[in-house]
PDBML (XML) file of the C-alpha atoms, coordinates in Angstrom:
<?xml version="1.0" encoding="UTF-8" ?>
<PDBx:datablock datablockName="MODEL"
   xmlns:PDBx="http://pdbml.pdb.org/schema/pdbx-v50.xsd"
   xmlns:xsi="http://www.w3.org/2001/XMLSchema-instance"
   xsi:schemaLocation="http://pdbml.pdb.org/schema/pdbx-v50.xsd pdbx-v50.xsd">
   <PDBx:atom_siteCategory>
      <PDBx:atom_site id="1">
         <PDBx:B_iso_or_equiv>0.00</PDBx:B_iso_or_equiv>
         <PDBx:Cartn_x>169.466</PDBx:Cartn_x>
         <PDBx:Cartn_y>212.666</PDBx:Cartn_y>
         <PDBx:Cartn_z>-10.096</PDBx:Cartn_z>
         <PDBx:auth_asym_id>A</PDBx:auth_asym_id>
         <PDBx:auth_atom_id>CA</PDBx:auth_atom_id>
         <PDBx:auth_comp_id>THR</PDBx:auth_comp_id>
         <PDBx:auth_seq_id>1</PDBx:auth_seq_id>
         <PDBx:group_PDB>ATOM</PDBx:group_PDB>
         <PDBx:label_alt_id xsi:nil="true" />
         <PDBx:label_asym_id>A</PDBx:label_asym_id>
         <PDBx:label_atom_id>CA</PDBx:label_atom_id>
         <PDBx:label_comp_id>THR</PDBx:label_comp_id>
         <PDBx:label_entity_id>1</PDBx:label_entity_id>
         <PDBx:label_seq_id>1</PDBx:label_seq_id>
         <PDBx:occupancy>1.00</PDBx:occupancy>
         <PDBx:pdbx_PDB_model_num>1</PDBx:pdbx_PDB_model_num>
         <PDBx:type_symbol>C</PDBx:type_symbol>
      </PDBx:atom_site>
      <PDBx:atom_site id="2">
         <PDBx:B_iso_or_equiv>0.00</PDBx:B_iso_or_equiv>
         <PDBx:Cartn_x>166.428</PDBx:Cartn_x>
         <PDBx:Cartn_y>214.652</PDBx:Cartn_y>
         <PDBx:Cartn_z>-11.076</PDBx:Cartn_z>
         <PDBx:auth_asym_id>A</PDBx:auth_asym_id>
         <PDBx:auth_atom_id>CA</PDBx:auth_atom_id>
         <PDBx:auth_comp_id>SER</PDBx:auth_comp_id>
         <PDBx:auth_seq_id>2</PDBx:auth_seq_id>
         <PDBx:group_PDB>ATOM</PDBx:group_PDB>
         <PDBx:label_alt_id xsi:nil="true" />
         <PDBx:label_asym_id>A</PDBx:label_asym_id>
         <PDBx:label_atom_id>CA</PDBx:label_atom_id>
         <PDBx:label_comp_id>SER</PDBx:label_comp_id>
         <PDBx:label_entity_id>1</PDBx:label_entity_id>
         <PDBx:label_seq_id>2</PDBx:label_seq_id>
         <PDBx:occupancy>1.00</PDBx:occupancy>
         <PDBx:pdbx_PDB_model_num>1</PDBx:pdbx_PDB_model_num>
         <PDBx:type_symbol>C</PDBx:type_symbol>
      </PDBx:atom_site>
      <PDBx:atom_site id="3">
         <PDBx:B_iso_or_equiv>0.00</PDBx:B_iso_or_equiv>
         <PDBx:Cartn_x>164.023</PDBx:Cartn_x>
         <PDBx:Cartn_y>215.064</PDBx:Cartn_y>
         <PDBx:Cartn_z>-13.933</PDBx:Cartn_z>
         <PDBx:auth_asym_id>A</PDBx:auth_asym_id>
         <PDBx:auth_atom_id>CA</PDBx:auth_atom_id>
         <PDBx:auth_comp_id>GLY</PDBx:auth_comp_id>
         <PDBx:auth_seq_id>3</PDBx:auth_seq_id>
         <PDBx:group_PDB>ATOM</PDBx:group_PDB>
         <PDBx:label_alt_id xsi:nil="true" />
         <PDBx:label_asym_id>A</PDBx:label_asym_id>
         <PDBx:label_atom_id>CA</PDBx:label_atom_id>
         <PDBx:label_comp_id>GLY</PDBx:label_comp_id>
         <PDBx:label_entity_id>1</PDBx:label_entity_id>
         <PDBx:label_seq_id>3</PDBx:label_seq_id>
         <PDBx:occupancy>1.00</PDBx:occupancy>
         <PDBx:pdbx_PDB_model_num>1</PDBx:pdbx_PDB_model_num>
         <PDBx:type_symbol>C</PDBx:type_symbol>
      </PDBx:atom_site>
      <PDBx:atom_site id="4">
         <PDBx:B_iso_or_equiv>0.00</PDBx:B_iso_or_equiv>
         <PDBx:Cartn_x>164.642</PDBx:Cartn_x>
         <PDBx:Cartn_y>218.799</PDBx:Cartn_y>
         <PDBx:Cartn_z>-14.227</PDBx:Cartn_z>
         <PDBx:auth_asym_id>A</PDBx:auth_asym_id>
         <PDBx:auth_atom_id>CA</PDBx:auth_atom_id>
         <PDBx:auth_comp_id>ASN</PDBx:auth_comp_id>
         <PDBx:auth_seq_id>4</PDBx:auth_seq_id>
         <PDBx:group_PDB>ATOM</PDBx:group_PDB>
         <PDBx:label_alt_id xsi:nil="true" />
         <PDBx:label_asym_id>A</PDBx:label_asym_id>
         <PDBx:label_atom_id>CA</PDBx:label_atom_id>
         <PDBx:label_comp_id>ASN</PDBx:label_comp_id>
         <PDBx:label_entity_id>1</PDBx:label_entity_id>
         <PDBx:label_seq_id>4</PDBx:label_seq_id>
         <PDBx:occupancy>1.00</PDBx:occupancy>
         <PDBx:pdbx_PDB_model_num>1</PDBx:pdbx_PDB_model_num>
         <PDBx:type_symbol>C</PDBx:type_symbol>
      </PDBx:atom_site>
      <PDBx:atom_site id="5">
         <PDBx:B_iso_or_equiv>0.00</PDBx:B_iso_or_equiv>
         <PDBx:Cartn_x>167.749</PDBx:Cartn_x>
         <PDBx:Cartn_y>220.855</PDBx:Cartn_y>
         <PDBx:Cartn_z>-14.966</PDBx:Cartn_z>
         <PDBx:auth_asym_id>A</PDBx:auth_asym_id>
         <PDBx:auth_atom_id>CA</PDBx:auth_atom_id>
         <PDBx:auth_comp_id>LYS</PDBx:auth_comp_id>
         <PDBx:auth_seq_id>5</PDBx:auth_seq_id>
         <PDBx:group_PDB>ATOM</PDBx:group_PDB>
         <PDBx:label_alt_id xsi:nil="true" />
         <PDBx:label_asym_id>A</PDBx:label_asym_id>
         <PDBx:label_atom_id>CA</PDBx:label_atom_id>
         <PDBx:label_comp_id>LYS</PDBx:label_comp_id>
         <PDBx:label_entity_id>1</PDBx:label_entity_id>
         <PDBx:label_seq_id>5</PDBx:label_seq_id>
         <PDBx:occupancy>1.00</PDBx:occupancy>
         <PDBx:pdbx_PDB_model_num>1</PDBx:pdbx_PDB_model_num>
         <PDBx:type_symbol>C</PDBx:type_symbol>
      </PDBx:atom_site>
      <PDBx:atom_site id="6">
         <PDBx:B_iso_or_equiv>0.00</PDBx:B_iso_or_equiv>
         <PDBx:Cartn_x>168.032</PDBx:Cartn_x>
         <PDBx:Cartn_y>222.617</PDBx:Cartn_y>
         <PDBx:Cartn_z>-11.603</PDBx:Cartn_z>
         <PDBx:auth_asym_id>A</PDBx:auth_asym_id>
         <PDBx:auth_atom_id>CA</PDBx:auth_atom_id>
         <PDBx:auth_comp_id>SER</PDBx:auth_comp_id>
         <PDBx:auth_seq_id>6</PDBx:auth_seq_id>
         <PDBx:group_PDB>ATOM</PDBx:group_PDB>
         <PDBx:label_alt_id xsi:nil="true" />
         <PDBx:label_asym_id>A</PDBx:label_asym_id>
         <PDBx:label_atom_id>CA</PDBx:label_atom_id>
         <PDBx:label_comp_id>SER</PDBx:label_comp_id>
         <PDBx:label_entity_id>1</PDBx:label_entity_id>
         <PDBx:label_seq_id>6</PDBx:label_seq_id>
         <PDBx:occupancy>1.00</PDBx:occupancy>
         <PDBx:pdbx_PDB_model_num>1</PDBx:pdbx_PDB_model_num>
         <PDBx:type_symbol>C</PDBx:type_symbol>
      </PDBx:atom_site>
      <PDBx:atom_site id="7">
         <PDBx:B_iso_or_equiv>0.00</PDBx:B_iso_or_equiv>
         <PDBx:Cartn_x>167.889</PDBx:Cartn_x>
         <PDBx:Cartn_y>219.376</PDBx:Cartn_y>
         <PDBx:Cartn_z>-9.554</PDBx:Cartn_z>
         <PDBx:auth_asym_id>A</PDBx:auth_asym_id>
         <PDBx:auth_atom_id>CA</PDBx:auth_atom_id>
         <PDBx:auth_comp_id>LYS</PDBx:auth_comp_id>
         <PDBx:auth_seq_id>7</PDBx:auth_seq_id>
         <PDBx:group_PDB>ATOM</PDBx:group_PDB>
         <PDBx:label_alt_id xsi:nil="true" />
         <PDBx:label_asym_id>A</PDBx:label_asym_id>
         <PDBx:label_atom_id>CA</PDBx:label_atom_id>
         <PDBx:label_comp_id>LYS</PDBx:label_comp_id>
         <PDBx:label_entity_id>1</PDBx:label_entity_id>
         <PDBx:label_seq_id>7</PDBx:label_seq_id>
         <PDBx:occupancy>1.00</PDBx:occupancy>
         <PDBx:pdbx_PDB_model_num>1</PDBx:pdbx_PDB_model_num>
         <PDBx:type_symbol>C</PDBx:type_symbol>
      </PDBx:atom_site>
      <PDBx:atom_site id="8">
         <PDBx:B_iso_or_equiv>0.00</PDBx:B_iso_or_equiv>
         <PDBx:Cartn_x>165.696</PDBx:Cartn_x>
         <PDBx:Cartn_y>221.363</PDBx:Cartn_y>
         <PDBx:Cartn_z>-7.204</PDBx:Cartn_z>
         <PDBx:auth_asym_id>A</PDBx:auth_asym_id>
         <PDBx:auth_atom_id>CA</PDBx:auth_atom_id>
         <PDBx:auth_comp_id>GLN</PDBx:auth_comp_id>
         <PDBx:auth_seq_id>8</PDBx:auth_seq_id>
         <PDBx:group_PDB>ATOM</PDBx:group_PDB>
         <PDBx:label_alt_id xsi:nil="true" />
         <PDBx:label_asym_id>A</PDBx:label_asym_id>
         <PDBx:label_atom_id>CA</PDBx:label_atom_id>
         <PDBx:label_comp_id>GLN</PDBx:label_comp_id>
         <PDBx:label_entity_id>1</PDBx:label_entity_id>
         <PDBx:label_seq_id>8</PDBx:label_seq_id>
         <PDBx:occupancy>1.00</PDBx:occupancy>
         <PDBx:pdbx_PDB_model_num>1</PDBx:pdbx_PDB_model_num>
         <PDBx:type_symbol>C</PDBx:type_symbol>
      </PDBx:atom_site>
      <PDBx:atom_site id="9">
         <PDBx:B_iso_or_equiv>0.00</PDBx:B_iso_or_equiv>
         <PDBx:Cartn_x>162.517</PDBx:Cartn_x>
         <PDBx:Cartn_y>219.294</PDBx:Cartn_y>
         <PDBx:Cartn_z>-7.514</PDBx:Cartn_z>
         <PDBx:auth_asym_id>A</PDBx:auth_asym_id>
         <PDBx:auth_atom_id>CA</PDBx:auth_atom_id>
         <PDBx:auth_comp_id>TRP</PDBx:auth_comp_id>
         <PDBx:auth_seq_id>9</PDBx:auth_seq_id>
         <PDBx:group_PDB>ATOM</PDBx:group_PDB>
         <PDBx:label_alt_id xsi:nil="true" />
         <PDBx:label_asym_id>A</PDBx:label_asym_id>
         <PDBx:label_atom_id>CA</PDBx:label_atom_id>
         <PDBx:label_comp_id>TRP</PDBx:label_comp_id>
         <PDBx:label_entity_id>1</PDBx:label_entity_id>
         <PDBx:label_seq_id>9</PDBx:label_seq_id>
         <PDBx:occupancy>1.00</PDBx:occupancy>
         <PDBx:pdbx_PDB_model_num>1</PDBx:pdbx_PDB_model_num>
         <PDBx:type_symbol>C</PDBx:type_symbol>
      </PDBx:atom_site>
      <PDBx:atom_site id="10">
         <PDBx:B_iso_or_equiv>0.00</PDBx:B_iso_or_equiv>
         <PDBx:Cartn_x>161.987</PDBx:Cartn_x>
         <PDBx:Cartn_y>215.554</PDBx:Cartn_y>
         <PDBx:Cartn_z>-7.144</PDBx:Cartn_z>
         <PDBx:auth_asym_id>A</PDBx:auth_asym_id>
         <PDBx:auth_atom_id>CA</PDBx:auth_atom_id>
         <PDBx:auth_comp_id>ASN</PDBx:auth_comp_id>
         <PDBx:auth_seq_id>10</PDBx:auth_seq_id>
         <PDBx:group_PDB>ATOM</PDBx:group_PDB>
         <PDBx:label_alt_id xsi:nil="true" />
         <PDBx:label_asym_id>A</PDBx:label_asym_id>
         <PDBx:label_atom_id>CA</PDBx:label_atom_id>
         <PDBx:label_comp_id>ASN</PDBx:label_comp_id>
         <PDBx:label_entity_id>1</PDBx:label_entity_id>
         <PDBx:label_seq_id>10</PDBx:label_seq_id>
         <PDBx:occupancy>1.00</PDBx:occupancy>
         <PDBx:pdbx_PDB_model_num>1</PDBx:pdbx_PDB_model_num>
         <PDBx:type_symbol>C</PDBx:type_symbol>
      </PDBx:atom_site>
      <PDBx:atom_site id="11">
         <PDBx:B_iso_or_equiv>0.00</PDBx:B_iso_or_equiv>
         <PDBx:Cartn_x>165.654</PDBx:Cartn_x>
         <PDBx:Cartn_y>214.800</PDBx:Cartn_y>
         <PDBx:Cartn_z>-6.449</PDBx:Cartn_z>
         <PDBx:auth_asym_id>A</PDBx:auth_asym_id>
         <PDBx:auth_atom_id>CA</PDBx:auth_atom_id>
         <PDBx:auth_comp_id>LYS</PDBx:auth_comp_id>
         <PDBx:auth_seq_id>11</PDBx:auth_seq_id>
         <PDBx:group_PDB>ATOM</PDBx:group_PDB>
         <PDBx:label_alt_id xsi:nil="true" />
         <PDBx:label_asym_id>A</PDBx:label_asym_id>
         <PDBx:label_atom_id>CA</PDBx:label_atom_id>
         <PDBx:label_comp_id>LYS</PDBx:label_comp_id>
         <PDBx:label_entity_id>1</PDBx:label_entity_id>
         <PDBx:label_seq_id>11</PDBx:label_seq_id>
         <PDBx:occupancy>1.00</PDBx:occupancy>
         <PDBx:pdbx_PDB_model_num>1</PDBx:pdbx_PDB_model_num>
         <PDBx:type_symbol>C</PDBx:type_symbol>
      </PDBx:atom_site>
      <PDBx:atom_site id="12">
         <PDBx:B_iso_or_equiv>0.00</PDBx:B_iso_or_equiv>
         <PDBx:Cartn_x>166.536</PDBx:Cartn_x>
         <PDBx:Cartn_y>211.100</PDBx:Cartn_y>
         <PDBx:Cartn_z>-6.084</PDBx:Cartn_z>
         <PDBx:auth_asym_id>A</PDBx:auth_asym_id>
         <PDBx:auth_atom_id>CA</PDBx:auth_atom_id>
         <PDBx:auth_comp_id>PHE</PDBx:auth_comp_id>
         <PDBx:auth_seq_id>12</PDBx:auth_seq_id>
         <PDBx:group_PDB>ATOM</PDBx:group_PDB>
         <PDBx:label_alt_id xsi:nil="true" />
         <PDBx:label_asym_id>A</PDBx:label_asym_id>
         <PDBx:label_atom_id>CA</PDBx:label_atom_id>
         <PDBx:label_comp_id>PHE</PDBx:label_comp_id>
         <PDBx:label_entity_id>1</PDBx:label_entity_id>
         <PDBx:label_seq_id>12</PDBx:label_seq_id>
         <PDBx:occupancy>1.00</PDBx:occupancy>
         <PDBx:pdbx_PDB_model_num>1</PDBx:pdbx_PDB_model_num>
         <PDBx:type_symbol>C</PDBx:type_symbol>
      </PDBx:atom_site>
      <PDBx:atom_site id="13">
         <PDBx:B_iso_or_equiv>0.00</PDBx:B_iso_or_equiv>
         <PDBx:Cartn_x>169.673</PDBx:Cartn_x>
         <PDBx:Cartn_y>209.758</PDBx:Cartn_y>
         <PDBx:Cartn_z>-4.424</PDBx:Cartn_z>
         <PDBx:auth_asym_id>A</PDBx:auth_asym_id>
         <PDBx:auth_atom_id>CA</PDBx:auth_atom_id>
         <PDBx:auth_comp_id>ASP</PDBx:auth_comp_id>
         <PDBx:auth_seq_id>13</PDBx:auth_seq_id>
         <PDBx:group_PDB>ATOM</PDBx:group_PDB>
         <PDBx:label_alt_id xsi:nil="true" />
         <PDBx:label_asym_id>A</PDBx:label_asym_id>
         <PDBx:label_atom_id>CA</PDBx:label_atom_id>
         <PDBx:label_comp_id>ASP</PDBx:label_comp_id>
         <PDBx:label_entity_id>1</PDBx:label_entity_id>
         <PDBx:label_seq_id>13</PDBx:label_seq_id>
         <PDBx:occupancy>1.00</PDBx:occupancy>
         <PDBx:pdbx_PDB_model_num>1</PDBx:pdbx_PDB_model_num>
         <PDBx:type_symbol>C</PDBx:type_symbol>
      </PDBx:atom_site>
      <PDBx:atom_site id="14">
         <PDBx:B_iso_or_equiv>0.00</PDBx:B_iso_or_equiv>
         <PDBx:Cartn_x>170.774</PDBx:Cartn_x>
         <PDBx:Cartn_y>206.526</PDBx:Cartn_y>
         <PDBx:Cartn_z>-6.056</PDBx:Cartn_z>
         <PDBx:auth_asym_id>A</PDBx:auth_asym_id>
         <PDBx:auth_atom_id>CA</PDBx:auth_atom_id>
         <PDBx:auth_comp_id>SER</PDBx:auth_comp_id>
         <PDBx:auth_seq_id>14</PDBx:auth_seq_id>
         <PDBx:group_PDB>ATOM</PDBx:group_PDB>
         <PDBx:label_alt_id xsi:nil="true" />
         <PDBx:label_asym_id>A</PDBx:label_asym_id>
         <PDBx:label_atom_id>CA</PDBx:label_atom_id>
         <PDBx:label_comp_id>SER</PDBx:label_comp_id>
         <PDBx:label_entity_id>1</PDBx:label_entity_id>
         <PDBx:label_seq_id>14</PDBx:label_seq_id>
         <PDBx:occupancy>1.00</PDBx:occupancy>
         <PDBx:pdbx_PDB_model_num>1</PDBx:pdbx_PDB_model_num>
         <PDBx:type_symbol>C</PDBx:type_symbol>
      </PDBx:atom_site>
      <PDBx:atom_site id="15">
         <PDBx:B_iso_or_equiv>0.00</PDBx:B_iso_or_equiv>
         <PDBx:Cartn_x>173.381</PDBx:Cartn_x>
         <PDBx:Cartn_y>203.752</PDBx:Cartn_y>
         <PDBx:Cartn_z>-5.795</PDBx:Cartn_z>
         <PDBx:auth_asym_id>A</PDBx:auth_asym_id>
         <PDBx:auth_atom_id>CA</PDBx:auth_atom_id>
         <PDBx:auth_comp_id>TRP</PDBx:auth_comp_id>
         <PDBx:auth_seq_id>15</PDBx:auth_seq_id>
         <PDBx:group_PDB>ATOM</PDBx:group_PDB>
         <PDBx:label_alt_id xsi:nil="true" />
         <PDBx:label_asym_id>A</PDBx:label_asym_id>
         <PDBx:label_atom_id>CA</PDBx:label_atom_id>
         <PDBx:label_comp_id>TRP</PDBx:label_comp_id>
         <PDBx:label_entity_id>1</PDBx:label_entity_id>
         <PDBx:label_seq_id>15</PDBx:label_seq_id>
         <PDBx:occupancy>1.00</PDBx:occupancy>
         <PDBx:pdbx_PDB_model_num>1</PDBx:pdbx_PDB_model_num>
         <PDBx:type_symbol>C</PDBx:type_symbol>
      </PDBx:atom_site>
      <PDBx:atom_site id="16">
         <PDBx:B_iso_or_equiv>0.00</PDBx:B_iso_or_equiv>
         <PDBx:Cartn_x>174.651</PDBx:Cartn_x>
         <PDBx:Cartn_y>201.621</PDBx:Cartn_y>
         <PDBx:Cartn_z>-8.701</PDBx:Cartn_z>
         <PDBx:auth_asym_id>A</PDBx:auth_asym_id>
         <PDBx:auth_atom_id>CA</PDBx:auth_atom_id>
         <PDBx:auth_comp_id>ASN</PDBx:auth_comp_id>
         <PDBx:auth_seq_id>16</PDBx:auth_seq_id>
         <PDBx:group_PDB>ATOM</PDBx:group_PDB>
         <PDBx:label_alt_id xsi:nil="true" />
         <PDBx:label_asym_id>A</PDBx:label_asym_id>
         <PDBx:label_atom_id>CA</PDBx:label_atom_id>
         <PDBx:label_comp_id>ASN</PDBx:label_comp_id>
         <PDBx:label_entity_id>1</PDBx:label_entity_id>
         <PDBx:label_seq_id>16</PDBx:label_seq_id>
         <PDBx:occupancy>1.00</PDBx:occupancy>
         <PDBx:pdbx_PDB_model_num>1</PDBx:pdbx_PDB_model_num>
         <PDBx:type_symbol>C</PDBx:type_symbol>
      </PDBx:atom_site>
      <PDBx:atom_site id="17">
         <PDBx:B_iso_or_equiv>0.00</PDBx:B_iso_or_equiv>
         <PDBx:Cartn_x>177.518</PDBx:Cartn_x>
         <PDBx:Cartn_y>199.175</PDBx:Cartn_y>
         <PDBx:Cartn_z>-9.117</PDBx:Cartn_z>
         <PDBx:auth_asym_id>A</PDBx:auth_asym_id>
         <PDBx:auth_atom_id>CA</PDBx:auth_atom_id>
         <PDBx:auth_comp_id>PHE</PDBx:auth_comp_id>
         <PDBx:auth_seq_id>17</PDBx:auth_seq_id>
         <PDBx:group_PDB>ATOM</PDBx:group_PDB>
         <PDBx:label_alt_id xsi:nil="true" />
         <PDBx:label_asym_id>A</PDBx:label_asym_id>
         <PDBx:label_atom_id>CA</PDBx:label_atom_id>
         <PDBx:label_comp_id>PHE</PDBx:label_comp_id>
         <PDBx:label_entity_id>1</PDBx:label_entity_id>
         <PDBx:label_seq_id>17</PDBx:label_seq_id>
         <PDBx:occupancy>1.00</PDBx:occupancy>
         <PDBx:pdbx_PDB_model_num>1</PDBx:pdbx_PDB_model_num>
         <PDBx:type_symbol>C</PDBx:type_symbol>
      </PDBx:atom_site>
      <PDBx:atom_site id="18">
         <PDBx:B_iso_or_equiv>0.00</PDBx:B_iso_or_equiv>
         <PDBx:Cartn_x>179.569</PDBx:Cartn_x>
         <PDBx:Cartn_y>197.567</PDBx:Cartn_y>
         <PDBx:Cartn_z>-11.838</PDBx:Cartn_z>
         <PDBx:auth_asym_id>A</PDBx:auth_asym_id>
         <PDBx:auth_atom_id>CA</PDBx:auth_atom_id>
         <PDBx:auth_comp_id>ARG</PDBx:auth_comp_id>
         <PDBx:auth_seq_id>18</PDBx:auth_seq_id>
         <PDBx:group_PDB>ATOM</PDBx:group_PDB>
         <PDBx:label_alt_id xsi:nil="true" />
         <PDBx:label_asym_id>A</PDBx:label_asym_id>
         <PDBx:label_atom_id>CA</PDBx:label_atom_id>
         <PDBx:label_comp_id>ARG</PDBx:label_comp_id>
         <PDBx:label_entity_id>1</PDBx:label_entity_id>
         <PDBx:label_seq_id>18</PDBx:label_seq_id>
         <PDBx:occupancy>1.00</PDBx:occupancy>
         <PDBx:pdbx_PDB_model_num>1</PDBx:pdbx_PDB_model_num>
         <PDBx:type_symbol>C</PDBx:type_symbol>
      </PDBx:atom_site>
      <PDBx:atom_site id="19">
         <PDBx:B_iso_or_equiv>0.00</PDBx:B_iso_or_equiv>
         <PDBx:Cartn_x>181.968</PDBx:Cartn_x>
         <PDBx:Cartn_y>194.629</PDBx:Cartn_y>
         <PDBx:Cartn_z>-11.922</PDBx:Cartn_z>
         <PDBx:auth_asym_id>A</PDBx:auth_asym_id>
         <PDBx:auth_atom_id>CA</PDBx:auth_atom_id>
         <PDBx:auth_comp_id>LEU</PDBx:auth_comp_id>
         <PDBx:auth_seq_id>19</PDBx:auth_seq_id>
         <PDBx:group_PDB>ATOM</PDBx:group_PDB>
         <PDBx:label_alt_id xsi:nil="true" />
         <PDBx:label_asym_id>A</PDBx:label_asym_id>
         <PDBx:label_atom_id>CA</PDBx:label_atom_id>
         <PDBx:label_comp_id>LEU</PDBx:label_comp_id>
         <PDBx:label_entity_id>1</PDBx:label_entity_id>
         <PDBx:label_seq_id>19</PDBx:label_seq_id>
         <PDBx:occupancy>1.00</PDBx:occupancy>
         <PDBx:pdbx_PDB_model_num>1</PDBx:pdbx_PDB_model_num>
         <PDBx:type_symbol>C</PDBx:type_symbol>
      </PDBx:atom_site>
      <PDBx:atom_site id="20">
         <PDBx:B_iso_or_equiv>0.00</PDBx:B_iso_or_equiv>
         <PDBx:Cartn_x>185.594</PDBx:Cartn_x>
         <PDBx:Cartn_y>195.651</PDBx:Cartn_y>
         <PDBx:Cartn_z>-12.380</PDBx:Cartn_z>
         <PDBx:auth_asym_id>A</PDBx:auth_asym_id>
         <PDBx:auth_atom_id>CA</PDBx:auth_atom_id>
         <PDBx:auth_comp_id>GLU</PDBx:auth_comp_id>
         <PDBx:auth_seq_id>20</PDBx:auth_seq_id>
         <PDBx:group_PDB>ATOM</PDBx:group_PDB>
         <PDBx:label_alt_id xsi:nil="true" />
         <PDBx:label_asym_id>A</PDBx:label_asym_id>
         <PDBx:label_atom_id>CA</PDBx:label_atom_id>
         <PDBx:label_comp_id>GLU</PDBx:label_comp_id>
         <PDBx:label_entity_id>1</PDBx:label_entity_id>
         <PDBx:label_seq_id>20</PDBx:label_seq_id>
         <PDBx:occupancy>1.00</PDBx:occupancy>
         <PDBx:pdbx_PDB_model_num>1</PDBx:pdbx_PDB_model_num>
         <PDBx:type_symbol>C</PDBx:type_symbol>
      </PDBx:atom_site>
      <PDBx:atom_site id="21">
         <PDBx:B_iso_or_equiv>0.00</PDBx:B_iso_or_equiv>
         <PDBx:Cartn_x>186.752</PDBx:Cartn_x>
         <PDBx:Cartn_y>192.295</PDBx:Cartn_y>
         <PDBx:Cartn_z>-13.773</PDBx:Cartn_z>
         <PDBx:auth_asym_id>A</PDBx:auth_asym_id>
         <PDBx:auth_atom_id>CA</PDBx:auth_atom_id>
         <PDBx:auth_comp_id>GLY</PDBx:auth_comp_id>
         <PDBx:auth_seq_id>21</PDBx:auth_seq_id>
         <PDBx:group_PDB>ATOM</PDBx:group_PDB>
         <PDBx:label_alt_id xsi:nil="true" />
         <PDBx:label_asym_id>A</PDBx:label_asym_id>
         <PDBx:label_atom_id>CA</PDBx:label_atom_id>
         <PDBx:label_comp_id>GLY</PDBx:label_comp_id>
         <PDBx:label_entity_id>1</PDBx:label_entity_id>
         <PDBx:label_seq_id>21</PDBx:label_seq_id>
         <PDBx:occupancy>1.00</PDBx:occupancy>
         <PDBx:pdbx_PDB_model_num>1</PDBx:pdbx_PDB_model_num>
         <PDBx:type_symbol>C</PDBx:type_symbol>
      </PDBx:atom_site>
      <PDBx:atom_site id="22">
         <PDBx:B_iso_or_equiv>0.00</PDBx:B_iso_or_equiv>
         <PDBx:Cartn_x>185.261</PDBx:Cartn_x>
         <PDBx:Cartn_y>193.120</PDBx:Cartn_y>
         <PDBx:Cartn_z>-17.170</PDBx:Cartn_z>
         <PDBx:auth_asym_id>A</PDBx:auth_asym_id>
         <PDBx:auth_atom_id>CA</PDBx:auth_atom_id>
         <PDBx:auth_comp_id>LEU</PDBx:auth_comp_id>
         <PDBx:auth_seq_id>22</PDBx:auth_seq_id>
         <PDBx:group_PDB>ATOM</PDBx:group_PDB>
         <PDBx:label_alt_id xsi:nil="true" />
         <PDBx:label_asym_id>A</PDBx:label_asym_id>
         <PDBx:label_atom_id>CA</PDBx:label_atom_id>
         <PDBx:label_comp_id>LEU</PDBx:label_comp_id>
         <PDBx:label_entity_id>1</PDBx:label_entity_id>
         <PDBx:label_seq_id>22</PDBx:label_seq_id>
         <PDBx:occupancy>1.00</PDBx:occupancy>
         <PDBx:pdbx_PDB_model_num>1</PDBx:pdbx_PDB_model_num>
         <PDBx:type_symbol>C</PDBx:type_symbol>
      </PDBx:atom_site>
      <PDBx:atom_site id="23">
         <PDBx:B_iso_or_equiv>0.00</PDBx:B_iso_or_equiv>
         <PDBx:Cartn_x>187.163</PDBx:Cartn_x>
         <PDBx:Cartn_y>194.665</PDBx:Cartn_y>
         <PDBx:Cartn_z>-20.052</PDBx:Cartn_z>
         <PDBx:auth_asym_id>A</PDBx:auth_asym_id>
         <PDBx:auth_atom_id>CA</PDBx:auth_atom_id>
         <PDBx:auth_comp_id>SER</PDBx:auth_comp_id>
         <PDBx:auth_seq_id>23</PDBx:auth_seq_id>
         <PDBx:group_PDB>ATOM</PDBx:group_PDB>
         <PDBx:label_alt_id xsi:nil="true" />
         <PDBx:label_asym_id>A</PDBx:label_asym_id>
         <PDBx:label_atom_id>CA</PDBx:label_atom_id>
         <PDBx:label_comp_id>SER</PDBx:label_comp_id>
         <PDBx:label_entity_id>1</PDBx:label_entity_id>
         <PDBx:label_seq_id>23</PDBx:label_seq_id>
         <PDBx:occupancy>1.00</PDBx:occupancy>
         <PDBx:pdbx_PDB_model_num>1</PDBx:pdbx_PDB_model_num>
         <PDBx:type_symbol>C</PDBx:type_symbol>
      </PDBx:atom_site>
      <PDBx:atom_site id="24">
         <PDBx:B_iso_or_equiv>0.00</PDBx:B_iso_or_equiv>
         <PDBx:Cartn_x>187.086</PDBx:Cartn_x>
         <PDBx:Cartn_y>198.446</PDBx:Cartn_y>
         <PDBx:Cartn_z>-20.365</PDBx:Cartn_z>
         <PDBx:auth_asym_id>A</PDBx:auth_asym_id>
         <PDBx:auth_atom_id>CA</PDBx:auth_atom_id>
         <PDBx:auth_comp_id>LYS</PDBx:auth_comp_id>
         <PDBx:auth_seq_id>24</PDBx:auth_seq_id>
         <PDBx:group_PDB>ATOM</PDBx:group_PDB>
         <PDBx:label_alt_id xsi:nil="true" />
         <PDBx:label_asym_id>A</PDBx:label_asym_id>
         <PDBx:label_atom_id>CA</PDBx:label_atom_id>
         <PDBx:label_comp_id>LYS</PDBx:label_comp_id>
         <PDBx:label_entity_id>1</PDBx:label_entity_id>
         <PDBx:label_seq_id>24</PDBx:label_seq_id>
         <PDBx:occupancy>1.00</PDBx:occupancy>
         <PDBx:pdbx_PDB_model_num>1</PDBx:pdbx_PDB_model_num>
         <PDBx:type_symbol>C</PDBx:type_symbol>
      </PDBx:atom_site>
   </PDBx:atom_siteCategory>
</PDBx:datablock>
């Protein structure tokens, strides 16, 4: 992810998760 459109500057790699037992 990045704060600018080109993703060229200040790029962050991130990890997220969600629980799959929940309703859609």
